[in-house]
Every structure is written in structure tokens, then in C-alpha cells.
Amino acid sequence: KYHAHSARDRFAISRDNAKNTVYLQMDRLKPEDTATYYCAARYT
């Protein structure tokens, strides 16, 4: 896992492959976090 500096210590990415779902837990949100959030996938 890797988090951008702006997200470190406040956000946490995780995934449940059994459910085909990736999560982004966002805590201690700030007004500057306001945005449209997109998920993206890359074949590895």
C-alpha cells in the first residue's frame, strides 16, 4: 500500500478480494479534501 503525503495518517486504503471491493477510509477530514474521488485499476 502507498498513501500520498496529503493522505498519510488520515486515510487508509484496503481491499477485500472476496468482495471485489477496494475501500478508502478517510478520517479527520478537512475542507481541502473536498473533491471528486475516483478509483482506477491497472492490470498487473
All heavy atoms as atom14 arrays in JSON, in Angstrom:
{
  "sequence": "KYHAHSARDRFAISRDNAKNTVYLQMDRLKPEDTATYYCAARYT",
  "atom14_mask": [
    [1, 1, 1, 1, 1, 1, 1, 1, 1, 0, 0, 0, 0, 0],
    [1, 1, 1, 1, 1, 1, 1, 1, 1, 1, 1, 1, 0, 0],
    [1, 1, 1, 1, 1, 1, 1, 1, 1, 1, 0, 0, 0, 0],
    [1, 1, 1, 1, 1, 0, 0, 0, 0, 0, 0, 0, 0, 0],
    [1, 1, 1, 1, 1, 1, 1, 1, 1, 1, 0, 0, 0, 0],
    [1, 1, 1, 1, 1, 1, 0, 0, 0, 0, 0, 0, 0, 0],
    [1, 1, 1, 1, 1, 0, 0, 0, 0, 0, 0, 0, 0, 0],
    [1, 1, 1, 1, 1, 1, 1, 1, 1, 1, 1, 0, 0, 0],
    [1, 1, 1, 1, 1, 1, 1, 1, 0, 0, 0, 0, 0, 0],
    [1, 1, 1, 1, 1, 1, 1, 1, 1, 1, 1, 0, 0, 0],
    [1, 1, 1, 1, 1, 1, 1, 1, 1, 1, 1, 0, 0, 0],
    [1, 1, 1, 1, 1, 0, 0, 0, 0, 0, 0, 0, 0, 0],
    [1, 1, 1, 1, 1, 1, 1, 1, 0, 0, 0, 0, 0, 0],
    [1, 1, 1, 1, 1, 1, 0, 0, 0, 0, 0, 0, 0, 0],
    [1, 1, 1, 1, 1, 1, 1, 1, 1, 1, 1, 0, 0, 0],
    [1, 1, 1, 1, 1, 1, 1, 1, 0, 0, 0, 0, 0, 0],
    [1, 1, 1, 1, 1, 1, 1, 1, 0, 0, 0, 0, 0, 0],
    [1, 1, 1, 1, 1, 0, 0, 0, 0, 0, 0, 0, 0, 0],
    [1, 1, 1, 1, 1, 1, 1, 1, 1, 0, 0, 0, 0, 0],
    [1, 1, 1, 1, 1, 1, 1, 1, 0, 0, 0, 0, 0, 0],
    [1, 1, 1, 1, 1, 1, 1, 0, 0, 0, 0, 0, 0, 0],
    [1, 1, 1, 1, 1, 1, 1, 0, 0, 0, 0, 0, 0, 0],
    [1, 1, 1, 1, 1, 1, 1, 1, 1, 1, 1, 1, 0, 0],
    [1, 1, 1, 1, 1, 1, 1, 1, 0, 0, 0, 0, 0, 0],
    [1, 1, 1, 1, 1, 1, 1, 1, 1, 0, 0, 0, 0, 0],
    [1, 1, 1, 1, 1, 1, 1, 1, 0, 0, 0, 0, 0, 0],
    [1, 1, 1, 1, 1, 1, 1, 1, 0, 0, 0, 0, 0, 0],
    [1, 1, 1, 1, 1, 1, 1, 1, 1, 1, 1, 0, 0, 0],
    [1, 1, 1, 1, 1, 1, 1, 1, 0, 0, 0, 0, 0, 0],
    [1, 1, 1, 1, 1, 1, 1, 1, 1, 0, 0, 0, 0, 0],
    [1, 1, 1, 1, 1, 1, 1, 0, 0, 0, 0, 0, 0, 0],
    [1, 1, 1, 1, 1, 1, 1, 1, 1, 0, 0, 0, 0, 0],
    [1, 1, 1, 1, 1, 1, 1, 1, 0, 0, 0, 0, 0, 0],
    [1, 1, 1, 1, 1, 1, 1, 0, 0, 0, 0, 0, 0, 0],
    [1, 1, 1, 1, 1, 0, 0, 0, 0, 0, 0, 0, 0, 0],
    [1, 1, 1, 1, 1, 1, 1, 0, 0, 0, 0, 0, 0, 0],
    [1, 1, 1, 1, 1, 1, 1, 1, 1, 1, 1, 1, 0, 0],
    [1, 1, 1, 1, 1, 1, 1, 1, 1, 1, 1, 1, 0, 0],
    [1, 1, 1, 1, 1, 1, 0, 0, 0, 0, 0, 0, 0, 0],
    [1, 1, 1, 1, 1, 0, 0, 0, 0, 0, 0, 0, 0, 0],
    [1, 1, 1, 1, 1, 0, 0, 0, 0, 0, 0, 0, 0, 0],
    [1, 1, 1, 1, 1, 1, 1, 1, 1, 1, 1, 0, 0, 0],
    [1, 1, 1, 1, 1, 1, 1, 1, 1, 1, 1, 1, 0, 0],
    [1, 1, 1, 1, 1, 1, 1, 0, 0, 0, 0, 0, 0, 0]
  ],
  "atom14_positions": [
    [[0.85, -1.18, 0.0], [0.0, 0.0, 0.0], [0.88, 1.23, 0.0], [1.99, 1.22, 0.55], [-0.9, 0.02, 1.24], [-1.75, -1.21, 1.44], [-2.5, -1.15, 2.76], [-3.26, -2.44, 3.02], [-4.0, -2.39, 4.31], [0.0, 0.0, 0.0], [0.0, 0.0, 0.0], [0.0, 0.0, 0.0], [0.0, 0.0, 0.0], [0.0, 0.0, 0.0]],
    [[0.37, 2.29, -0.58], [1.1, 3.56, -0.56], [0.09, 4.69, -0.51], [-0.9, 4.7, -1.24], [1.98, 3.69, -1.81], [2.79, 4.96, -1.82], [3.89, 5.1, -1.0], [2.43, 6.03, -2.64], [4.63, 6.28, -1.0], [3.16, 7.2, -2.65], [4.26, 7.31, -1.82], [4.99, 8.47, -1.81], [0.0, 0.0, 0.0], [0.0, 0.0, 0.0]],
    [[0.35, 5.65, 0.36], [-0.53, 6.81, 0.51], [0.24, 8.08, 0.19], [1.39, 8.23, 0.62], [-1.08, 6.87, 1.93], [-1.92, 5.7, 2.31], [-1.38, 4.48, 2.68], [-3.27, 5.54, 2.37], [-2.36, 3.63, 2.95], [-3.52, 4.25, 2.76], [0.0, 0.0, 0.0], [0.0, 0.0, 0.0], [0.0, 0.0, 0.0], [0.0, 0.0, 0.0]],
    [[-0.4, 8.98, -0.53], [0.2, 10.28, -0.79], [0.41, 11.02, 0.53], [-0.27, 10.75, 1.53], [-0.69, 11.09, -1.72], [0.0, 0.0, 0.0], [0.0, 0.0, 0.0], [0.0, 0.0, 0.0], [0.0, 0.0, 0.0], [0.0, 0.0, 0.0], [0.0, 0.0, 0.0], [0.0, 0.0, 0.0], [0.0, 0.0, 0.0], [0.0, 0.0, 0.0]],
    [[1.33, 11.96, 0.51], [1.64, 12.7, 1.75], [0.39, 13.34, 2.34], [0.2, 13.35, 3.56], [2.7, 13.75, 1.46], [3.07, 14.56, 2.66], [3.87, 14.05, 3.68], [2.74, 15.82, 3.04], [4.02, 14.97, 4.61], [3.34, 16.05, 4.25], [0.0, 0.0, 0.0], [0.0, 0.0, 0.0], [0.0, 0.0, 0.0], [0.0, 0.0, 0.0]],
    [[-0.47, 13.86, 1.49], [-1.67, 14.55, 1.97], [-2.64, 13.6, 2.66], [-3.49, 14.02, 3.44], [-2.38, 15.24, 0.81], [-2.77, 14.28, -0.16], [0.0, 0.0, 0.0], [0.0, 0.0, 0.0], [0.0, 0.0, 0.0], [0.0, 0.0, 0.0], [0.0, 0.0, 0.0], [0.0, 0.0, 0.0], [0.0, 0.0, 0.0], [0.0, 0.0, 0.0]],
    [[-2.51, 12.29, 2.38], [-3.44, 11.31, 2.92], [-2.84, 10.51, 4.07], [-3.57, 9.83, 4.8], [-3.88, 10.35, 1.83], [0.0, 0.0, 0.0], [0.0, 0.0, 0.0], [0.0, 0.0, 0.0], [0.0, 0.0, 0.0], [0.0, 0.0, 0.0], [0.0, 0.0, 0.0], [0.0, 0.0, 0.0], [0.0, 0.0, 0.0], [0.0, 0.0, 0.0]],
    [[-1.55, 10.61, 4.22], [-0.88, 9.79, 5.22], [-1.37, 10.15, 6.61], [-1.54, 11.3, 6.95], [0.63, 10.01, 5.1], [1.47, 8.8, 5.37], [2.84, 9.0, 4.76], [2.78, 8.9, 3.3], [3.78, 9.29, 2.49], [4.87, 9.83, 3.0], [3.66, 9.15, 1.19], [0.0, 0.0, 0.0], [0.0, 0.0, 0.0], [0.0, 0.0, 0.0]],
    [[-1.59, 9.15, 7.42], [-2.04, 9.29, 8.82], [-3.51, 9.63, 8.96], [-4.02, 9.65, 10.08], [-1.23, 10.36, 9.56], [0.24, 10.01, 9.64], [0.55, 8.8, 9.71], [1.08, 10.92, 9.61], [0.0, 0.0, 0.0], [0.0, 0.0, 0.0], [0.0, 0.0, 0.0], [0.0, 0.0, 0.0], [0.0, 0.0, 0.0], [0.0, 0.0, 0.0]],
    [[-4.2, 9.93, 7.85], [-5.64, 10.21, 7.93], [-6.48, 9.26, 7.09], [-7.63, 8.99, 7.42], [-5.94, 11.65, 7.51], [-5.29, 12.71, 8.38], [-5.8, 14.1, 8.04], [-5.51, 14.44, 6.66], [-6.45, 14.79, 5.77], [-7.73, 14.81, 6.12], [-6.12, 15.1, 4.53], [0.0, 0.0, 0.0], [0.0, 0.0, 0.0], [0.0, 0.0, 0.0]],
    [[-5.92, 8.81, 5.98], [-6.63, 7.93, 5.07], [-6.0, 6.54, 5.1], [-4.79, 6.41, 5.34], [-6.57, 8.46, 3.64], [-7.27, 9.77, 3.41], [-7.9, 10.46, 4.43], [-7.31, 10.31, 2.13], [-8.54, 11.67, 4.2], [-7.94, 11.51, 1.88], [-8.55, 12.2, 2.92], [0.0, 0.0, 0.0], [0.0, 0.0, 0.0], [0.0, 0.0, 0.0]],
    [[-6.8, 5.53, 4.8], [-6.28, 4.17, 4.74], [-6.97, 3.41, 3.62], [-8.2, 3.31, 3.61], [-6.47, 3.46, 6.06], [0.0, 0.0, 0.0], [0.0, 0.0, 0.0], [0.0, 0.0, 0.0], [0.0, 0.0, 0.0], [0.0, 0.0, 0.0], [0.0, 0.0, 0.0], [0.0, 0.0, 0.0], [0.0, 0.0, 0.0], [0.0, 0.0, 0.0]],
    [[-6.17, 2.87, 2.71], [-6.71, 2.07, 1.62], [-6.66, 0.6, 2.01], [-5.73, 0.15, 2.7], [-5.93, 2.32, 0.31], [-6.66, 1.7, -0.88], [-4.49, 1.83, 0.42], [-6.06, 2.11, -2.24], [0.0, 0.0, 0.0], [0.0, 0.0, 0.0], [0.0, 0.0, 0.0], [0.0, 0.0, 0.0], [0.0, 0.0, 0.0], [0.0, 0.0, 0.0]],
    [[-7.67, -0.14, 1.59], [-7.72, -1.57, 1.85], [-8.54, -2.22, 0.74], [-9.17, -1.54, -0.06], [-8.33, -1.87, 3.22], [-9.68, -1.41, 3.27], [0.0, 0.0, 0.0], [0.0, 0.0, 0.0], [0.0, 0.0, 0.0], [0.0, 0.0, 0.0], [0.0, 0.0, 0.0], [0.0, 0.0, 0.0], [0.0, 0.0, 0.0], [0.0, 0.0, 0.0]],
    [[-8.5, -3.54, 0.7], [-9.31, -4.24, -0.29], [-9.74, -5.58, 0.25], [-9.06, -6.19, 1.07], [-8.56, -4.4, -1.62], [-7.39, -5.34, -1.62], [-6.61, -5.23, -2.94], [-7.33, -5.81, -4.07], [-7.0, -5.58, -5.35], [-6.0, -4.78, -5.65], [-7.69, -6.15, -6.32], [0.0, 0.0, 0.0], [0.0, 0.0, 0.0], [0.0, 0.0, 0.0]],
    [[-10.9, -6.02, -0.25], [-11.44, -7.32, 0.06], [-11.64, -8.03, -1.27], [-12.63, -7.78, -1.97], [-12.76, -7.17, 0.83], [-13.33, -8.5, 1.27], [-12.96, -9.54, 0.71], [-14.17, -8.5, 2.18], [0.0, 0.0, 0.0], [0.0, 0.0, 0.0], [0.0, 0.0, 0.0], [0.0, 0.0, 0.0], [0.0, 0.0, 0.0], [0.0, 0.0, 0.0]],
    [[-10.71, -8.87, -1.62], [-10.78, -9.52, -2.94], [-11.95, -10.49, -3.05], [-12.43, -10.77, -4.15], [-9.46, -10.22, -3.25], [-8.38, -9.23, -3.66], [-8.67, -8.13, -4.11], [-7.13, -9.61, -3.49], [0.0, 0.0, 0.0], [0.0, 0.0, 0.0], [0.0, 0.0, 0.0], [0.0, 0.0, 0.0], [0.0, 0.0, 0.0], [0.0, 0.0, 0.0]],
    [[-12.41, -10.99, -1.93], [-13.58, -11.87, -1.97], [-14.83, -11.11, -2.37], [-15.78, -11.69, -2.92], [-13.78, -12.53, -0.61], [0.0, 0.0, 0.0], [0.0, 0.0, 0.0], [0.0, 0.0, 0.0], [0.0, 0.0, 0.0], [0.0, 0.0, 0.0], [0.0, 0.0, 0.0], [0.0, 0.0, 0.0], [0.0, 0.0, 0.0], [0.0, 0.0, 0.0]],
    [[-14.83, -9.82, -2.11], [-15.98, -8.97, -2.45], [-15.7, -8.08, -3.66], [-16.51, -7.22, -4.0], [-16.36, -8.09, -1.26], [-16.84, -8.87, -0.05], [-17.25, -7.93, 1.07], [-17.78, -8.72, 2.27], [-18.18, -7.83, 3.39], [0.0, 0.0, 0.0], [0.0, 0.0, 0.0], [0.0, 0.0, 0.0], [0.0, 0.0, 0.0], [0.0, 0.0, 0.0]],
    [[-14.52, -8.24, -4.27], [-14.15, -7.4, -5.42], [-14.29, -5.91, -5.1], [-14.78, -5.12, -5.93], [-15.01, -7.74, -6.64], [-14.52, -8.97, -7.38], [-13.73, -9.75, -6.85], [-15.0, -9.17, -8.58], [0.0, 0.0, 0.0], [0.0, 0.0, 0.0], [0.0, 0.0, 0.0], [0.0, 0.0, 0.0], [0.0, 0.0, 0.0], [0.0, 0.0, 0.0]],
    [[-13.85, -5.51, -3.94], [-14.07, -4.14, -3.5], [-12.79, -3.58, -2.86], [-12.1, -4.28, -2.11], [-15.22, -4.06, -2.49], [-16.41, -4.58, -3.09], [-15.48, -2.61, -2.08], [0.0, 0.0, 0.0], [0.0, 0.0, 0.0], [0.0, 0.0, 0.0], [0.0, 0.0, 0.0], [0.0, 0.0, 0.0], [0.0, 0.0, 0.0], [0.0, 0.0, 0.0]],
    [[-12.52, -2.33, -3.18], [-11.44, -1.58, -2.55], [-12.06, -0.43, -1.77], [-13.03, 0.19, -2.24], [-10.46, -1.05, -3.61], [-9.43, -0.11, -2.97], [-9.75, -2.21, -4.3], [0.0, 0.0, 0.0], [0.0, 0.0, 0.0], [0.0, 0.0, 0.0], [0.0, 0.0, 0.0], [0.0, 0.0, 0.0], [0.0, 0.0, 0.0], [0.0, 0.0, 0.0]],
    [[-11.5, -0.15, -0.62], [-12.04, 0.88, 0.26], [-11.03, 2.0, 0.48], [-9.81, 1.8, 0.38], [-12.39, 0.27, 1.63], [-13.34, -0.89, 1.54], [-12.88, -2.2, 1.57], [-14.72, -0.67, 1.43], [-13.75, -3.27, 1.49], [-15.59, -1.75, 1.36], [-15.1, -3.04, 1.39], [-15.97, -4.1, 1.3], [0.0, 0.0, 0.0], [0.0, 0.0, 0.0]],
    [[-11.55, 3.16, 0.81], [-10.72, 4.26, 1.27], [-11.38, 4.84, 2.51], [-12.41, 5.51, 2.42], [-10.56, 5.34, 0.2], [-9.59, 6.47, 0.57], [-8.15, 5.95, 0.66], [-9.67, 7.62, -0.43], [0.0, 0.0, 0.0], [0.0, 0.0, 0.0], [0.0, 0.0, 0.0], [0.0, 0.0, 0.0], [0.0, 0.0, 0.0], [0.0, 0.0, 0.0]],
    [[-10.8, 4.53, 3.65], [-11.28, 5.08, 4.92], [-10.64, 6.45, 5.1], [-9.42, 6.57, 5.09], [-10.9, 4.16, 6.07], [-11.31, 4.68, 7.43], [-12.81, 4.75, 7.62], [-13.54, 3.85, 7.2], [-13.29, 5.83, 8.23], [0.0, 0.0, 0.0], [0.0, 0.0, 0.0], [0.0, 0.0, 0.0], [0.0, 0.0, 0.0], [0.0, 0.0, 0.0]],
    [[-11.47, 7.46, 5.28], [-10.98, 8.83, 5.42], [-11.42, 9.38, 6.75], [-12.63, 9.5, 7.02], [-11.5, 9.7, 4.27], [-11.19, 9.15, 2.89], [-11.59, 10.29, 1.56], [-13.36, 10.41, 1.76], [0.0, 0.0, 0.0], [0.0, 0.0, 0.0], [0.0, 0.0, 0.0], [0.0, 0.0, 0.0], [0.0, 0.0, 0.0], [0.0, 0.0, 0.0]],
    [[-10.47, 9.71, 7.59], [-10.74, 10.25, 8.92], [-10.18, 11.66, 9.05], [-9.32, 12.06, 8.27], [-10.12, 9.35, 9.99], [-10.69, 7.95, 9.97], [-11.92, 7.8, 9.8], [-9.91, 6.98, 10.15], [0.0, 0.0, 0.0], [0.0, 0.0, 0.0], [0.0, 0.0, 0.0], [0.0, 0.0, 0.0], [0.0, 0.0, 0.0], [0.0, 0.0, 0.0]],
    [[-10.66, 12.38, 10.04], [-10.2, 13.75, 10.3], [-10.19, 14.56, 9.02], [-9.21, 15.22, 8.67], [-8.82, 13.72, 10.95], [-8.81, 12.96, 12.27], [-7.52, 13.15, 13.05], [-6.33, 12.76, 12.33], [-5.92, 11.52, 12.21], [-6.61, 10.52, 12.74], [-4.8, 11.25, 11.55], [0.0, 0.0, 0.0], [0.0, 0.0, 0.0], [0.0, 0.0, 0.0]],
    [[-11.32, 14.53, 8.33], [-11.42, 15.21, 7.04], [-11.3, 16.72, 7.2], [-11.73, 17.3, 8.21], [-12.73, 14.85, 6.37], [-12.74, 13.46, 5.71], [-14.16, 12.96, 5.49], [-11.98, 13.49, 4.39], [0.0, 0.0, 0.0], [0.0, 0.0, 0.0], [0.0, 0.0, 0.0], [0.0, 0.0, 0.0], [0.0, 0.0, 0.0], [0.0, 0.0, 0.0]],
    [[-10.74, 17.33, 6.17], [-10.52, 18.77, 6.14], [-11.24, 19.36, 4.93], [-11.47, 18.65, 3.94], [-9.03, 19.07, 6.02], [-8.17, 18.46, 7.09], [-6.69, 18.72, 6.82], [-5.8, 18.07, 7.86], [-4.36, 18.31, 7.58], [0.0, 0.0, 0.0], [0.0, 0.0, 0.0], [0.0, 0.0, 0.0], [0.0, 0.0, 0.0], [0.0, 0.0, 0.0]],
    [[-11.58, 20.64, 4.96], [-12.23, 21.25, 3.79], [-11.41, 21.07, 2.51], [-12.0, 20.93, 1.43], [-12.34, 22.72, 4.2], [-12.46, 22.67, 5.68], [-11.57, 21.56, 6.11], [0.0, 0.0, 0.0], [0.0, 0.0, 0.0], [0.0, 0.0, 0.0], [0.0, 0.0, 0.0], [0.0, 0.0, 0.0], [0.0, 0.0, 0.0], [0.0, 0.0, 0.0]],
    [[-10.11, 21.05, 2.62], [-9.28, 20.88, 1.42], [-9.33, 19.47, 0.84], [-8.77, 19.21, -0.23], [-7.82, 21.27, 1.7], [-7.22, 20.63, 2.92], [-7.3, 21.55, 4.14], [-8.37, 22.16, 4.38], [-6.27, 21.62, 4.88], [0.0, 0.0, 0.0], [0.0, 0.0, 0.0], [0.0, 0.0, 0.0], [0.0, 0.0, 0.0], [0.0, 0.0, 0.0]],
    [[-9.99, 18.55, 1.54], [-10.21, 17.21, 0.99], [-11.42, 17.19, 0.04], [-11.68, 16.15, -0.59], [-10.44, 16.19, 2.11], [-9.22, 16.0, 2.99], [-8.1, 15.92, 2.44], [-9.39, 15.94, 4.22], [0.0, 0.0, 0.0], [0.0, 0.0, 0.0], [0.0, 0.0, 0.0], [0.0, 0.0, 0.0], [0.0, 0.0, 0.0], [0.0, 0.0, 0.0]],
    [[-12.14, 18.28, -0.03], [-13.29, 18.35, -0.92], [-12.86, 18.13, -2.37], [-11.98, 18.82, -2.88], [-13.99, 19.72, -0.79], [-14.53, 19.84, 0.52], [-15.11, 19.86, -1.82], [0.0, 0.0, 0.0], [0.0, 0.0, 0.0], [0.0, 0.0, 0.0], [0.0, 0.0, 0.0], [0.0, 0.0, 0.0], [0.0, 0.0, 0.0], [0.0, 0.0, 0.0]],
    [[-13.48, 17.15, -3.01], [-13.1, 16.78, -4.38], [-14.01, 15.65, -4.85], [-14.76, 15.07, -4.06], [-11.65, 16.31, -4.45], [0.0, 0.0, 0.0], [0.0, 0.0, 0.0], [0.0, 0.0, 0.0], [0.0, 0.0, 0.0], [0.0, 0.0, 0.0], [0.0, 0.0, 0.0], [0.0, 0.0, 0.0], [0.0, 0.0, 0.0], [0.0, 0.0, 0.0]],
    [[-13.91, 15.36, -6.13], [-14.49, 14.13, -6.65], [-13.42, 13.05, -6.56], [-12.29, 13.26, -7.01], [-14.95, 14.29, -8.11], [-15.92, 15.33, -8.18], [-15.57, 13.0, -8.62], [0.0, 0.0, 0.0], [0.0, 0.0, 0.0], [0.0, 0.0, 0.0], [0.0, 0.0, 0.0], [0.0, 0.0, 0.0], [0.0, 0.0, 0.0], [0.0, 0.0, 0.0]],
    [[-13.77, 11.94, -5.96], [-12.82, 10.85, -5.75], [-13.1, 9.74, -6.77], [-14.24, 9.31, -6.93], [-12.95, 10.31, -4.34], [-12.3, 11.23, -3.32], [-12.88, 12.45, -3.0], [-11.1, 10.88, -2.69], [-12.28, 13.31, -2.1], [-10.5, 11.73, -1.77], [-11.09, 12.94, -1.49], [-10.49, 13.8, -0.59], [0.0, 0.0, 0.0], [0.0, 0.0, 0.0]],
    [[-12.04, 9.31, -7.4], [-12.12, 8.29, -8.44], [-11.27, 7.08, -8.06], [-10.17, 7.24, -7.54], [-11.6, 8.82, -9.78], [-12.32, 10.0, -10.34], [-11.95, 11.3, -10.0], [-13.39, 9.83, -11.22], [-12.61, 12.39, -10.52], [-14.05, 10.92, -11.75], [-13.66, 12.2, -11.39], [-14.33, 13.27, -11.92], [0.0, 0.0, 0.0], [0.0, 0.0, 0.0]],
    [[-11.76, 5.91, -8.36], [-10.9, 4.75, -8.28], [-10.5, 4.33, -9.69], [-11.23, 4.57, -10.66], [-11.53, 3.59, -7.52], [-12.98, 2.83, -8.27], [0.0, 0.0, 0.0], [0.0, 0.0, 0.0], [0.0, 0.0, 0.0], [0.0, 0.0, 0.0], [0.0, 0.0, 0.0], [0.0, 0.0, 0.0], [0.0, 0.0, 0.0], [0.0, 0.0, 0.0]],
    [[-9.34, 3.72, -9.78], [-8.79, 3.3, -11.05], [-8.09, 1.96, -10.87], [-7.58, 1.66, -9.79], [-7.81, 4.34, -11.58], [0.0, 0.0, 0.0], [0.0, 0.0, 0.0], [0.0, 0.0, 0.0], [0.0, 0.0, 0.0], [0.0, 0.0, 0.0], [0.0, 0.0, 0.0], [0.0, 0.0, 0.0], [0.0, 0.0, 0.0], [0.0, 0.0, 0.0]],
    [[-8.07, 1.17, -11.93], [-7.46, -0.15, -11.88], [-6.43, -0.31, -12.98], [-6.59, 0.22, -14.08], [-8.53, -1.23, -12.0], [0.0, 0.0, 0.0], [0.0, 0.0, 0.0], [0.0, 0.0, 0.0], [0.0, 0.0, 0.0], [0.0, 0.0, 0.0], [0.0, 0.0, 0.0], [0.0, 0.0, 0.0], [0.0, 0.0, 0.0], [0.0, 0.0, 0.0]],
    [[-5.38, -1.05, -12.66], [-4.31, -1.33, -13.62], [-3.99, -2.82, -13.54], [-3.76, -3.36, -12.45], [-3.07, -0.51, -13.3], [-1.85, -0.88, -14.14], [-0.64, -0.06, -13.71], [0.59, -0.52, -14.33], [1.02, -0.14, -15.52], [0.31, 0.7, -16.23], [2.16, -0.6, -16.0], [0.0, 0.0, 0.0], [0.0, 0.0, 0.0], [0.0, 0.0, 0.0]],
    [[-3.94, -3.46, -14.7], [-3.61, -4.88, -14.72], [-2.15, -5.09, -14.33], [-1.25, -4.41, -14.84], [-3.85, -5.46, -16.12], [-3.52, -6.94, -16.19], [-4.44, -7.88, -15.75], [-2.27, -7.37, -16.65], [-4.14, -9.23, -15.79], [-1.96, -8.71, -16.68], [-2.9, -9.64, -16.25], [-2.6, -10.97, -16.27], [0.0, 0.0, 0.0], [0.0, 0.0, 0.0]],
    [[-1.92, -5.99, -13.41], [-0.56, -6.35, -13.03], [-0.38, -7.85, -13.25], [-0.25, -8.32, -14.35], [-0.26, -5.94, -11.58], [-1.21, -6.54, -10.7], [-0.33, -4.42, -11.43], [0.0, 0.0, 0.0], [0.0, 0.0, 0.0], [0.0, 0.0, 0.0], [0.0, 0.0, 0.0], [0.0, 0.0, 0.0], [0.0, 0.0, 0.0], [0.0, 0.0, 0.0]]
  ]
}
